[in-house]
Amino acid sequence: MVTVSKAALKARMLEYFRRVEETGEELVVTDRGRPVVRVTAVRAQQTASELFADVRGRVRYRGDVLAPTAAEWPET
């Protein structure tokens, strides 16, 4: 995570934004030493299949997947 003051950001904003885009590292902007803004890169959304592709076929659930969960998650 990179930290920068508002004044430094104003002077070199495009440079900082490009760095966030390229590295994916967060940028925290401070005002008088206090964090006020967090800048992060926007990531492309993944489908559930893409997101869990690395664990496909390796996870096992030994219970009934279709069993009601009312006892665990009471209605409010």
PDB file of N, CA and C in Angstrom:
ATOM      1  N   MET A   1       0.845  -1.171   0.000  1.00  0.00           N
ATOM      2  CA  MET A   1       0.000   0.000   0.000  1.00  0.00           C
ATOM      3  C   MET A   1       0.894   1.238   0.000  1.00  0.00           C
ATOM      4  N   VAL A   2       0.608   2.130  -0.916  1.00  0.00           N
ATOM      5  CA  VAL A   2       1.350   3.382  -1.038  1.00  0.00           C
ATOM      6  C   VAL A   2       0.528   4.487  -0.375  1.00  0.00           C
ATOM      7  N   THR A   3       1.194   5.353   0.376  1.00  0.00           N
ATOM      8  CA  THR A   3       0.529   6.475   1.027  1.00  0.00           C
ATOM      9  C   THR A   3       1.084   7.768   0.451  1.00  0.00           C
ATOM     10  N   VAL A   4       0.180   8.705   0.150  1.00  0.00           N
ATOM     11  CA  VAL A   4       0.588   9.970  -0.447  1.00  0.00           C
ATOM     12  C   VAL A   4      -0.308  11.083   0.095  1.00  0.00           C
ATOM     13  N   SER A   5       0.270  12.270   0.246  1.00  0.00           N
ATOM     14  CA  SER A   5      -0.520  13.417   0.713  1.00  0.00           C
ATOM     15  C   SER A   5      -1.345  13.966  -0.449  1.00  0.00           C
ATOM     16  N   LYS A   6      -2.373  14.727  -0.105  1.00  0.00           N
ATOM     17  CA  LYS A   6      -3.206  15.338  -1.144  1.00  0.00           C
ATOM     18  C   LYS A   6      -2.364  16.217  -2.079  1.00  0.00           C
ATOM     19  N   ALA A   7      -1.444  16.973  -1.510  1.00  0.00           N
ATOM     20  CA  ALA A   7      -0.624  17.882  -2.316  1.00  0.00           C
ATOM     21  C   ALA A   7       0.254  17.100  -3.294  1.00  0.00           C
ATOM     22  N   ALA A   8       0.884  16.025  -2.823  1.00  0.00           N
ATOM     23  CA  ALA A   8       1.737  15.218  -3.700  1.00  0.00           C
ATOM     24  C   ALA A   8       0.909  14.542  -4.775  1.00  0.00           C
ATOM     25  N   LEU A   9      -0.293  14.084  -4.419  1.00  0.00           N
ATOM     26  CA  LEU A   9      -1.176  13.457  -5.400  1.00  0.00           C
ATOM     27  C   LEU A   9      -1.571  14.456  -6.479  1.00  0.00           C
ATOM     28  N   LYS A  10      -1.892  15.663  -6.065  1.00  0.00           N
ATOM     29  CA  LYS A  10      -2.306  16.693  -7.020  1.00  0.00           C
ATOM     30  C   LYS A  10      -1.194  16.974  -8.032  1.00  0.00           C
ATOM     31  N   ALA A  11       0.034  16.990  -7.570  1.00  0.00           N
ATOM     32  CA  ALA A  11       1.168  17.299  -8.436  1.00  0.00           C
ATOM     33  C   ALA A  11       1.469  16.171  -9.432  1.00  0.00           C
ATOM     34  N   ARG A  12       1.218  14.896  -9.032  1.00  0.00           N
ATOM     35  CA  ARG A  12       1.603  13.760  -9.889  1.00  0.00           C
ATOM     36  C   ARG A  12       0.499  12.712  -9.977  1.00  0.00           C
ATOM     37  N   MET A  13      -0.751  13.169 -10.094  1.00  0.00           N
ATOM     38  CA  MET A  13      -1.895  12.281 -10.054  1.00  0.00           C
ATOM     39  C   MET A  13      -1.858  11.192 -11.116  1.00  0.00           C
ATOM     40  N   LEU A  14      -1.609  11.521 -12.356  1.00  0.00           N
ATOM     41  CA  LEU A  14      -1.595  10.520 -13.426  1.00  0.00           C
ATOM     42  C   LEU A  14      -0.542   9.448 -13.168  1.00  0.00           C
ATOM     43  N   GLU A  15       0.596   9.846 -12.675  1.00  0.00           N
ATOM     44  CA  GLU A  15       1.655   8.884 -12.359  1.00  0.00           C
ATOM     45  C   GLU A  15       1.190   7.895 -11.290  1.00  0.00           C
ATOM     46  N   TYR A  16       0.555   8.409 -10.241  1.00  0.00           N
ATOM     47  CA  TYR A  16       0.054   7.533  -9.180  1.00  0.00           C
ATOM     48  C   TYR A  16      -1.061   6.621  -9.694  1.00  0.00           C
ATOM     49  N   PHE A  17      -1.978   7.174 -10.497  1.00  0.00           N
ATOM     50  CA  PHE A  17      -3.069   6.357 -11.033  1.00  0.00           C
ATOM     51  C   PHE A  17      -2.545   5.253 -11.945  1.00  0.00           C
ATOM     52  N   ARG A  18      -1.565   5.570 -12.767  1.00  0.00           N
ATOM     53  CA  ARG A  18      -0.971   4.538 -13.642  1.00  0.00           C
ATOM     54  C   ARG A  18      -0.324   3.434 -12.806  1.00  0.00           C
ATOM     55  N   ARG A  19       0.317   3.822 -11.717  1.00  0.00           N
ATOM     56  CA  ARG A  19       0.957   2.828 -10.844  1.00  0.00           C
ATOM     57  C   ARG A  19      -0.081   1.876 -10.236  1.00  0.00           C
ATOM     58  N   VAL A  20      -1.212   2.445  -9.810  1.00  0.00           N
ATOM     59  CA  VAL A  20      -2.287   1.614  -9.257  1.00  0.00           C
ATOM     60  C   VAL A  20      -2.810   0.661 -10.330  1.00  0.00           C
ATOM     61  N   GLU A  21      -3.009   1.162 -11.542  1.00  0.00           N
ATOM     62  CA  GLU A  21      -3.482   0.322 -12.659  1.00  0.00           C
ATOM     63  C   GLU A  21      -2.523  -0.818 -12.950  1.00  0.00           C
ATOM     64  N   GLU A  22      -1.244  -0.507 -13.028  1.00  0.00           N
ATOM     65  CA  GLU A  22      -0.240  -1.497 -13.431  1.00  0.00           C
ATOM     66  C   GLU A  22       0.050  -2.530 -12.346  1.00  0.00           C
ATOM     67  N   THR A  23       0.122  -2.089 -11.096  1.00  0.00           N
ATOM     68  CA  THR A  23       0.520  -3.002 -10.024  1.00  0.00           C
ATOM     69  C   THR A  23      -0.653  -3.573  -9.242  1.00  0.00           C
ATOM     70  N   GLY A  24      -1.783  -2.879  -9.259  1.00  0.00           N
ATOM     71  CA  GLY A  24      -2.925  -3.310  -8.465  1.00  0.00           C
ATOM     72  C   GLY A  24      -2.792  -2.934  -7.001  1.00  0.00           C
ATOM     73  N   GLU A  25      -1.695  -2.269  -6.653  1.00  0.00           N
ATOM     74  CA  GLU A  25      -1.450  -1.875  -5.269  1.00  0.00           C
ATOM     75  C   GLU A  25      -2.343  -0.684  -4.895  1.00  0.00           C
ATOM     76  N   GLU A  26      -2.888  -0.707  -3.685  1.00  0.00           N
ATOM     77  CA  GLU A  26      -3.742   0.377  -3.213  1.00  0.00           C
ATOM     78  C   GLU A  26      -2.955   1.659  -3.000  1.00  0.00           C
ATOM     79  N   LEU A  27      -3.649   2.766  -3.148  1.00  0.00           N
ATOM     80  CA  LEU A  27      -3.082   4.081  -2.879  1.00  0.00           C
ATOM     81  C   LEU A  27      -3.950   4.729  -1.813  1.00  0.00           C
ATOM     82  N   VAL A  28      -3.344   5.159  -0.719  1.00  0.00           N
ATOM     83  CA  VAL A  28      -4.077   5.835   0.351  1.00  0.00           C
ATOM     84  C   VAL A  28      -3.664   7.301   0.341  1.00  0.00           C
ATOM     85  N   VAL A  29      -4.657   8.173   0.261  1.00  0.00           N
ATOM     86  CA  VAL A  29      -4.411   9.610   0.232  1.00  0.00           C
ATOM     87  C   VAL A  29      -4.662  10.161   1.630  1.00  0.00           C
ATOM     88  N   THR A  30      -3.726  10.984   2.092  1.00  0.00           N
ATOM     89  CA  THR A  30      -3.826  11.541   3.441  1.00  0.00           C
ATOM     90  C   THR A  30      -4.048  13.046   3.405  1.00  0.00           C
ATOM     91  N   ASP A  31      -4.667  13.533   4.467  1.00  0.00           N
ATOM     92  CA  ASP A  31      -4.844  14.968   4.680  1.00  0.00           C
ATOM     93  C   ASP A  31      -4.306  15.262   6.065  1.00  0.00           C
ATOM     94  N   ARG A  32      -3.183  15.949   6.124  1.00  0.00           N
ATOM     95  CA  ARG A  32      -2.492  16.252   7.378  1.00  0.00           C
ATOM     96  C   ARG A  32      -2.156  14.976   8.148  1.00  0.00           C
ATOM     97  N   GLY A  33      -1.725  13.954   7.395  1.00  0.00           N
ATOM     98  CA  GLY A  33      -1.295  12.708   8.000  1.00  0.00           C
ATOM     99  C   GLY A  33      -2.411  11.714   8.314  1.00  0.00           C
ATOM    100  N   ARG A  34      -3.659  12.105   8.074  1.00  0.00           N
ATOM    101  CA  ARG A  34      -4.801  11.240   8.364  1.00  0.00           C
ATOM    102  C   ARG A  34      -5.348  10.667   7.056  1.00  0.00           C
ATOM    103  N   PRO A  35      -5.493   9.339   6.949  1.00  0.00           N
ATOM    104  CA  PRO A  35      -6.019   8.733   5.715  1.00  0.00           C
ATOM    105  C   PRO A  35      -7.451   9.199   5.452  1.00  0.00           C
ATOM    106  N   VAL A  36      -7.712   9.633   4.208  1.00  0.00           N
ATOM    107  CA  VAL A  36      -9.054  10.120   3.856  1.00  0.00           C
ATOM    108  C   VAL A  36      -9.642   9.444   2.623  1.00  0.00           C
ATOM    109  N   VAL A  37      -8.791   8.922   1.733  1.00  0.00           N
ATOM    110  CA  VAL A  37      -9.278   8.303   0.496  1.00  0.00           C
ATOM    111  C   VAL A  37      -8.426   7.085   0.179  1.00  0.00           C
ATOM    112  N   ARG A  38      -9.082   6.023  -0.309  1.00  0.00           N
ATOM    113  CA  ARG A  38      -8.360   4.834  -0.762  1.00  0.00           C
ATOM    114  C   ARG A  38      -8.675   4.649  -2.244  1.00  0.00           C
ATOM    115  N   VAL A  39      -7.632   4.512  -3.063  1.00  0.00           N
ATOM    116  CA  VAL A  39      -7.782   4.314  -4.501  1.00  0.00           C
ATOM    117  C   VAL A  39      -7.345   2.895  -4.821  1.00  0.00           C
ATOM    118  N   THR A  40      -8.225   2.140  -5.490  1.00  0.00           N
ATOM    119  CA  THR A  40      -7.898   0.769  -5.889  1.00  0.00           C
ATOM    120  C   THR A  40      -8.228   0.584  -7.355  1.00  0.00           C
ATOM    121  N   ALA A  41      -7.587  -0.375  -7.969  1.00  0.00           N
ATOM    122  CA  ALA A  41      -7.846  -0.676  -9.369  1.00  0.00           C
ATOM    123  C   ALA A  41      -9.162  -1.441  -9.485  1.00  0.00           C
ATOM    124  N   VAL A  42      -9.885  -1.202 -10.557  1.00  0.00           N
ATOM    125  CA  VAL A  42     -11.112  -1.934 -10.833  1.00  0.00           C
ATOM    126  C   VAL A  42     -10.724  -3.217 -11.542  1.00  0.00           C
ATOM    127  N   ARG A  43     -11.187  -4.310 -11.023  1.00  0.00           N
ATOM    128  CA  ARG A  43     -10.864  -5.611 -11.605  1.00  0.00           C
ATOM    129  C   ARG A  43     -12.053  -6.120 -12.403  1.00  0.00           C
ATOM    130  N   ALA A  44     -11.772  -6.843 -13.468  1.00  0.00           N
ATOM    131  CA  ALA A  44     -12.838  -7.448 -14.262  1.00  0.00           C
ATOM    132  C   ALA A  44     -13.536  -8.504 -13.415  1.00  0.00           C
ATOM    133  N   GLN A  45     -14.851  -8.568 -13.520  1.00  0.00           N
ATOM    134  CA  GLN A  45     -15.591  -9.552 -12.744  1.00  0.00           C
ATOM    135  C   GLN A  45     -15.373 -10.942 -13.311  1.00  0.00           C
ATOM    136  N   GLN A  46     -15.295 -11.910 -12.409  1.00  0.00           N
ATOM    137  CA  GLN A  46     -15.106 -13.297 -12.801  1.00  0.00           C
ATOM    138  C   GLN A  46     -16.400 -14.059 -12.569  1.00  0.00           C
ATOM    139  N   THR A  47     -16.622 -15.078 -13.380  1.00  0.00           N
ATOM    140  CA  THR A  47     -17.757 -15.957 -13.139  1.00  0.00           C
ATOM    141  C   THR A  47     -17.405 -16.863 -11.969  1.00  0.00           C
ATOM    142  N   ALA A  48     -18.414 -17.511 -11.388  1.00  0.00           N
ATOM    143  CA  ALA A  48     -18.170 -18.431 -10.280  1.00  0.00           C
ATOM    144  C   ALA A  48     -17.257 -19.572 -10.732  1.00  0.00           C
ATOM    145  N   SER A  49     -17.422 -20.049 -11.955  1.00  0.00           N
ATOM    146  CA  SER A  49     -16.573 -21.128 -12.470  1.00  0.00           C
ATOM    147  C   SER A  49     -15.110 -20.699 -12.526  1.00  0.00           C
ATOM    148  N   GLU A  50     -14.867 -19.475 -12.986  1.00  0.00           N
ATOM    149  CA  GLU A  50     -13.493 -18.973 -13.052  1.00  0.00           C
ATOM    150  C   GLU A  50     -12.920 -18.756 -11.651  1.00  0.00           C
ATOM    151  N   LEU A  51     -13.738 -18.237 -10.764  1.00  0.00           N
ATOM    152  CA  LEU A  51     -13.289 -17.916  -9.418  1.00  0.00           C
ATOM    153  C   LEU A  51     -12.876 -19.160  -8.634  1.00  0.00           C
ATOM    154  N   PHE A  52     -13.620 -20.249  -8.796  1.00  0.00           N
ATOM    155  CA  PHE A  52     -13.346 -21.466  -8.030  1.00  0.00           C
ATOM    156  C   PHE A  52     -12.687 -22.558  -8.859  1.00  0.00           C
ATOM    157  N   ALA A  53     -12.137 -22.234 -10.013  1.00  0.00           N
ATOM    158  CA  ALA A  53     -11.532 -23.229 -10.905  1.00  0.00           C
ATOM    159  C   ALA A  53     -10.383 -23.978 -10.236  1.00  0.00           C
ATOM    160  N   ASP A  54      -9.611 -23.326  -9.393  1.00  0.00           N
ATOM    161  CA  ASP A  54      -8.457 -23.983  -8.774  1.00  0.00           C
ATOM    162  C   ASP A  54      -8.838 -25.023  -7.723  1.00  0.00           C
ATOM    163  N   VAL A  55     -10.066 -24.991  -7.199  1.00  0.00           N
ATOM    164  CA  VAL A  55     -10.485 -25.986  -6.202  1.00  0.00           C
ATOM    165  C   VAL A  55     -11.496 -26.995  -6.754  1.00  0.00           C
ATOM    166  N   ARG A  56     -11.858 -26.838  -8.009  1.00  0.00           N
ATOM    167  CA  ARG A  56     -12.836 -27.757  -8.610  1.00  0.00           C
ATOM    168  C   ARG A  56     -12.323 -29.197  -8.497  1.00  0.00           C
ATOM    169  N   GLY A  57     -13.168 -30.073  -7.975  1.00  0.00           N
ATOM    170  CA  GLY A  57     -12.821 -31.472  -7.839  1.00  0.00           C
ATOM    171  C   GLY A  57     -11.999 -31.799  -6.607  1.00  0.00           C
ATOM    172  N   ARG A  58     -11.613 -30.802  -5.823  1.00  0.00           N
ATOM    173  CA  ARG A  58     -10.792 -31.052  -4.632  1.00  0.00           C
ATOM    174  C   ARG A  58     -11.547 -30.810  -3.332  1.00  0.00           C
ATOM    175  N   VAL A  59     -12.726 -30.212  -3.400  1.00  0.00           N
ATOM    176  CA  VAL A  59     -13.505 -29.932  -2.203  1.00  0.00           C
ATOM    177  C   VAL A  59     -14.619 -30.965  -2.096  1.00  0.00           C
ATOM    178  N   ARG A  60     -14.769 -31.506  -0.891  1.00  0.00           N
ATOM    179  CA  ARG A  60     -15.826 -32.504  -0.676  1.00  0.00           C
ATOM    180  C   ARG A  60     -16.688 -32.065   0.489  1.00  0.00           C
ATOM    181  N   TYR A  61     -17.979 -32.199   0.308  1.00  0.00           N
ATOM    182  CA  TYR A  61     -18.934 -31.882   1.360  1.00  0.00           C
ATOM    183  C   TYR A  61     -19.621 -33.179   1.743  1.00  0.00           C
ATOM    184  N   ARG A  62     -19.576 -33.540   2.999  1.00  0.00           N
ATOM    185  CA  ARG A  62     -20.063 -34.848   3.439  1.00  0.00           C
ATOM    186  C   ARG A  62     -21.494 -34.820   3.961  1.00  0.00           C
ATOM    187  N   GLY A  63     -22.140 -33.698   3.939  1.00  0.00           N
ATOM    188  CA  GLY A  63     -23.526 -33.610   4.401  1.00  0.00           C
ATOM    189  C   GLY A  63     -24.478 -33.577   3.224  1.00  0.00           C
ATOM    190  N   ASP A  64     -25.744 -33.333   3.519  1.00  0.00           N
ATOM    191  CA  ASP A  64     -26.766 -33.207   2.483  1.00  0.00           C
ATOM    192  C   ASP A  64     -26.803 -31.751   2.026  1.00  0.00           C
ATOM    193  N   VAL A  65     -26.382 -31.498   0.830  1.00  0.00           N
ATOM    194  CA  VAL A  65     -26.294 -30.138   0.310  1.00  0.00           C
ATOM    195  C   VAL A  65     -27.671 -29.482   0.244  1.00  0.00           C
ATOM    196  N   LEU A  66     -28.706 -30.264   0.044  1.00  0.00           N
ATOM    197  CA  LEU A  66     -30.053 -29.725  -0.106  1.00  0.00           C
ATOM    198  C   LEU A  66     -30.843 -29.694   1.200  1.00  0.00           C
ATOM    199  N   ALA A  67     -30.227 -30.063   2.319  1.00  0.00           N
ATOM    200  CA  ALA A  67     -30.918 -30.076   3.607  1.00  0.00           C
ATOM    201  C   ALA A  67     -31.248 -28.648   4.045  1.00  0.00           C
ATOM    202  N   PRO A  68     -32.393 -28.458   4.700  1.00  0.00           N
ATOM    203  CA  PRO A  68     -32.759 -27.120   5.183  1.00  0.00           C
ATOM    204  C   PRO A  68     -31.742 -26.595   6.193  1.00  0.00           C
ATOM    205  N   THR A  69     -31.567 -25.298   6.215  1.00  0.00           N
ATOM    206  CA  THR A  69     -30.598 -24.678   7.126  1.00  0.00           C
ATOM    207  C   THR A  69     -31.279 -23.772   8.149  1.00  0.00           C
ATOM    208  N   ALA A  70     -32.578 -23.940   8.337  1.00  0.00           N
ATOM    209  CA  ALA A  70     -33.335 -23.056   9.244  1.00  0.00           C
ATOM    210  C   ALA A  70     -32.774 -23.075  10.658  1.00  0.00           C
ATOM    211  N   ALA A  71     -32.294 -24.210  11.117  1.00  0.00           N
ATOM    212  CA  ALA A  71     -31.751 -24.276  12.481  1.00  0.00           C
ATOM    213  C   ALA A  71     -30.449 -23.494  12.595  1.00  0.00           C
ATOM    214  N   GLU A  72     -29.668 -23.467  11.539  1.00  0.00           N
ATOM    215  CA  GLU A  72     -28.401 -22.742  11.539  1.00  0.00           C
ATOM    216  C   GLU A  72     -28.589 -21.259  11.244  1.00  0.00           C
ATOM    217  N   TRP A  73     -29.575 -20.934  10.420  1.00  0.00           N
ATOM    218  CA  TRP A  73     -29.822 -19.562   9.978  1.00  0.00           C
ATOM    219  C   TRP A  73     -31.284 -19.212  10.265  1.00  0.00           C
ATOM    220  N   PRO A  74     -31.599 -18.892  11.502  1.00  0.00           N
ATOM    221  CA  PRO A  74     -33.003 -18.608  11.828  1.00  0.00           C
ATOM    222  C   PRO A  74     -33.515 -17.389  11.066  1.00  0.00           C
ATOM    223  N   GLU A  75     -34.797 -17.446  10.744  1.00  0.00           N
ATOM    224  CA  GLU A  75     -35.423 -16.323  10.040  1.00  0.00           C
ATOM    225  C   GLU A  75     -35.568 -15.163  10.998  1.00  0.00           C
ATOM    226  N   THR A  76     -35.394 -13.959  10.482  1.00  0.00           N
ATOM    227  CA  THR A  76     -35.516 -12.776  11.351  1.00  0.00           C
ATOM    228  C   THR A  76     -36.701 -11.944  10.964  1.00  0.00           C
TER     229      THR A  76
END
